[in-house]
């Protein structure tokens, strides 16, 4: 809980990051688990 905020407009639900520190966590995870294409092995 608390990672995203939601807003409903009719049948559409909009999501946004609730806490900016979540973006930092995502950036660190991406750095660890998603290396640049130039470093990926074939």
PDB file of N, CA and C in Angstrom:
ATOM      1  N   UNK A   1       0.822  -1.187   0.000  1.00  0.00           N
ATOM      2  CA  UNK A   1       0.000   0.000   0.000  1.00  0.00           C
ATOM      3  C   UNK A   1       0.865   1.249   0.000  1.00  0.00           C
ATOM      4  N   UNK A   2       0.339   2.299  -0.588  1.00  0.00           N
ATOM      5  CA  UNK A   2       1.031   3.569  -0.573  1.00  0.00           C
ATOM      6  C   UNK A   2       2.022   3.784  -1.705  1.00  0.00           C
ATOM      7  N   UNK A   3       2.189   2.777  -2.578  1.00  0.00           N
ATOM      8  CA  UNK A   3       3.139   2.943  -3.679  1.00  0.00           C
ATOM      9  C   UNK A   3       2.561   3.778  -4.804  1.00  0.00           C
ATOM     10  N   UNK A   4       1.269   3.610  -5.069  1.00  0.00           N
ATOM     11  CA  UNK A   4       0.622   4.362  -6.140  1.00  0.00           C
ATOM     12  C   UNK A   4      -0.659   5.011  -5.638  1.00  0.00           C
ATOM     13  N   UNK A   5      -1.017   6.109  -6.281  1.00  0.00           N
ATOM     14  CA  UNK A   5      -2.311   6.753  -6.077  1.00  0.00           C
ATOM     15  C   UNK A   5      -3.147   6.457  -7.304  1.00  0.00           C
ATOM     16  N   UNK A   6      -4.445   6.338  -7.113  1.00  0.00           N
ATOM     17  CA  UNK A   6      -5.331   6.076  -8.246  1.00  0.00           C
ATOM     18  C   UNK A   6      -6.399   7.152  -8.336  1.00  0.00           C
ATOM     19  N   UNK A   7      -6.878   7.327  -9.565  1.00  0.00           N
ATOM     20  CA  UNK A   7      -7.983   8.252  -9.823  1.00  0.00           C
ATOM     21  C   UNK A   7      -8.850   7.605 -10.887  1.00  0.00           C
ATOM     22  N   UNK A   8     -10.146   7.602 -10.660  1.00  0.00           N
ATOM     23  CA  UNK A   8     -11.072   7.004 -11.613  1.00  0.00           C
ATOM     24  C   UNK A   8     -11.798   8.109 -12.375  1.00  0.00           C
ATOM     25  N   UNK A   9     -11.915   7.900 -13.688  1.00  0.00           N
ATOM     26  CA  UNK A   9     -12.686   8.793 -14.547  1.00  0.00           C
ATOM     27  C   UNK A   9     -13.571   7.894 -15.410  1.00  0.00           C
ATOM     28  N   UNK A  10     -14.784   7.675 -14.972  1.00  0.00           N
ATOM     29  CA  UNK A  10     -15.671   6.740 -15.664  1.00  0.00           C
ATOM     30  C   UNK A  10     -15.153   5.329 -15.478  1.00  0.00           C
ATOM     31  N   UNK A  11     -14.872   4.647 -16.586  1.00  0.00           N
ATOM     32  CA  UNK A  11     -14.355   3.280 -16.500  1.00  0.00           C
ATOM     33  C   UNK A  11     -12.833   3.227 -16.573  1.00  0.00           C
ATOM     34  N   UNK A  12     -12.193   4.381 -16.688  1.00  0.00           N
ATOM     35  CA  UNK A  12     -10.735   4.447 -16.783  1.00  0.00           C
ATOM     36  C   UNK A  12     -10.144   4.738 -15.411  1.00  0.00           C
ATOM     37  N   UNK A  13      -9.099   3.999 -15.059  1.00  0.00           N
ATOM     38  CA  UNK A  13      -8.394   4.237 -13.804  1.00  0.00           C
ATOM     39  C   UNK A  13      -6.994   4.731 -14.141  1.00  0.00           C
ATOM     40  N   UNK A  14      -6.605   5.836 -13.542  1.00  0.00           N
ATOM     41  CA  UNK A  14      -5.284   6.423 -13.746  1.00  0.00           C
ATOM     42  C   UNK A  14      -4.430   6.134 -12.513  1.00  0.00           C
ATOM     43  N   UNK A  15      -3.176   5.766 -12.740  1.00  0.00           N
ATOM     44  CA  UNK A  15      -2.248   5.473 -11.657  1.00  0.00           C
ATOM     45  C   UNK A  15      -1.083   6.447 -11.713  1.00  0.00           C
ATOM     46  N   UNK A  16      -0.565   6.798 -10.533  1.00  0.00           N
ATOM     47  CA  UNK A  16       0.655   7.597 -10.476  1.00  0.00           C
ATOM     48  C   UNK A  16       1.440   7.190  -9.239  1.00  0.00           C
ATOM     49  N   UNK A  17       2.732   7.403  -9.285  1.00  0.00           N
ATOM     50  CA  UNK A  17       3.602   7.072  -8.159  1.00  0.00           C
ATOM     51  C   UNK A  17       3.257   7.999  -6.996  1.00  0.00           C
ATOM     52  N   UNK A  18       2.996   7.423  -5.834  1.00  0.00           N
ATOM     53  CA  UNK A  18       2.583   8.204  -4.671  1.00  0.00           C
ATOM     54  C   UNK A  18       3.766   8.823  -3.933  1.00  0.00           C
ATOM     55  N   UNK A  19       4.900   8.131  -3.948  1.00  0.00           N
ATOM     56  CA  UNK A  19       6.057   8.574  -3.178  1.00  0.00           C
ATOM     57  C   UNK A  19       7.273   8.615  -4.104  1.00  0.00           C
ATOM     58  N   UNK A  20       7.913   9.764  -4.244  1.00  0.00           N
ATOM     59  CA  UNK A  20       9.065   9.876  -5.149  1.00  0.00           C
ATOM     60  C   UNK A  20      10.197   8.896  -4.834  1.00  0.00           C
ATOM     61  N   UNK A  21      10.305   8.443  -3.597  1.00  0.00           N
ATOM     62  CA  UNK A  21      11.368   7.489  -3.263  1.00  0.00           C
ATOM     63  C   UNK A  21      11.157   6.149  -3.963  1.00  0.00           C
ATOM     64  N   UNK A  22       9.931   5.853  -4.369  1.00  0.00           N
ATOM     65  CA  UNK A  22       9.653   4.631  -5.124  1.00  0.00           C
ATOM     66  C   UNK A  22      10.409   4.665  -6.453  1.00  0.00           C
ATOM     67  N   UNK A  23      10.503   5.828  -7.067  1.00  0.00           N
ATOM     68  CA  UNK A  23      11.241   5.952  -8.328  1.00  0.00           C
ATOM     69  C   UNK A  23      12.719   5.626  -8.138  1.00  0.00           C
ATOM     70  N   UNK A  24      13.275   5.980  -6.994  1.00  0.00           N
ATOM     71  CA  UNK A  24      14.671   5.655  -6.708  1.00  0.00           C
ATOM     72  C   UNK A  24      14.855   4.146  -6.602  1.00  0.00           C
ATOM     73  N   UNK A  25      13.916   3.481  -5.948  1.00  0.00           N
ATOM     74  CA  UNK A  25      13.982   2.024  -5.821  1.00  0.00           C
ATOM     75  C   UNK A  25      13.909   1.379  -7.203  1.00  0.00           C
ATOM     76  N   UNK A  26      12.997   1.844  -8.034  1.00  0.00           N
ATOM     77  CA  UNK A  26      12.853   1.302  -9.385  1.00  0.00           C
ATOM     78  C   UNK A  26      14.129   1.531 -10.190  1.00  0.00           C
ATOM     79  N   UNK A  27      14.739   2.690 -10.051  1.00  0.00           N
ATOM     80  CA  UNK A  27      15.974   2.989 -10.781  1.00  0.00           C
ATOM     81  C   UNK A  27      17.099   2.045 -10.371  1.00  0.00           C
ATOM     82  N   UNK A  28      17.218   1.763  -9.081  1.00  0.00           N
ATOM     83  CA  UNK A  28      18.257   0.845  -8.606  1.00  0.00           C
ATOM     84  C   UNK A  28      17.989  -0.568  -9.124  1.00  0.00           C
ATOM     85  N   UNK A  29      16.743  -1.012  -9.067  1.00  0.00           N
ATOM     86  CA  UNK A  29      16.399  -2.344  -9.573  1.00  0.00           C
ATOM     87  C   UNK A  29      16.682  -2.451 -11.070  1.00  0.00           C
ATOM     88  N   UNK A  30      16.349  -1.408 -11.816  1.00  0.00           N
ATOM     89  CA  UNK A  30      16.611  -1.416 -13.257  1.00  0.00           C
ATOM     90  C   UNK A  30      18.110  -1.471 -13.533  1.00  0.00           C
ATOM     91  N   UNK A  31      18.891  -0.752 -12.751  1.00  0.00           N
ATOM     92  CA  UNK A  31      20.345  -0.755 -12.930  1.00  0.00           C
ATOM     93  C   UNK A  31      20.921  -2.149 -12.685  1.00  0.00           C
ATOM     94  N   UNK A  32      20.384  -2.853 -11.705  1.00  0.00           N
ATOM     95  CA  UNK A  32      20.884  -4.186 -11.361  1.00  0.00           C
ATOM     96  C   UNK A  32      20.418  -5.245 -12.359  1.00  0.00           C
ATOM     97  N   UNK A  33      19.136  -5.216 -12.697  1.00  0.00           N
ATOM     98  CA  UNK A  33      18.544  -6.309 -13.460  1.00  0.00           C
ATOM     99  C   UNK A  33      18.354  -6.033 -14.949  1.00  0.00           C
ATOM    100  N   UNK A  34      18.562  -4.806 -15.390  1.00  0.00           N
ATOM    101  CA  UNK A  34      18.360  -4.460 -16.804  1.00  0.00           C
ATOM    102  C   UNK A  34      19.595  -3.752 -17.351  1.00  0.00           C
ATOM    103  N   UNK A  35      20.653  -4.510 -17.604  1.00  0.00           N
ATOM    104  CA  UNK A  35      21.870  -3.872 -18.107  1.00  0.00           C
ATOM    105  C   UNK A  35      21.639  -3.275 -19.492  1.00  0.00           C
ATOM    106  N   UNK A  36      22.436  -2.281 -19.862  1.00  0.00           N
ATOM    107  CA  UNK A  36      22.313  -1.693 -21.201  1.00  0.00           C
ATOM    108  C   UNK A  36      22.484  -2.768 -22.274  1.00  0.00           C
ATOM    109  N   UNK A  37      21.879  -2.570 -23.418  1.00  0.00           N
ATOM    110  CA  UNK A  37      21.952  -3.547 -24.503  1.00  0.00           C
ATOM    111  C   UNK A  37      23.390  -3.867 -24.891  1.00  0.00           C
ATOM    112  N   UNK A  38      24.274  -2.888 -24.789  1.00  0.00           N
ATOM    113  CA  UNK A  38      25.671  -3.098 -25.186  1.00  0.00           C
ATOM    114  C   UNK A  38      26.385  -4.093 -24.267  1.00  0.00           C
ATOM    115  N   UNK A  39      25.854  -4.317 -23.073  1.00  0.00           N
ATOM    116  CA  UNK A  39      26.483  -5.238 -22.127  1.00  0.00           C
ATOM    117  C   UNK A  39      25.806  -6.600 -22.085  1.00  0.00           C
ATOM    118  N   UNK A  40      24.672  -6.746 -22.751  1.00  0.00           N
ATOM    119  CA  UNK A  40      23.949  -8.015 -22.725  1.00  0.00           C
ATOM    120  C   UNK A  40      24.649  -9.032 -23.602  1.00  0.00           C
ATOM    121  N   UNK A  41      24.621 -10.280 -23.144  1.00  0.00           N
ATOM    122  CA  UNK A  41      25.229 -11.372 -23.900  1.00  0.00           C
ATOM    123  C   UNK A  41      24.222 -11.924 -24.888  1.00  0.00           C
ATOM    124  N   UNK A  42      24.708 -12.363 -26.043  1.00  0.00           N
ATOM    125  CA  UNK A  42      23.831 -12.941 -27.070  1.00  0.00           C
ATOM    126  C   UNK A  42      23.382 -14.324 -26.690  1.00  0.00           C
TER     127      UNK A  42
END
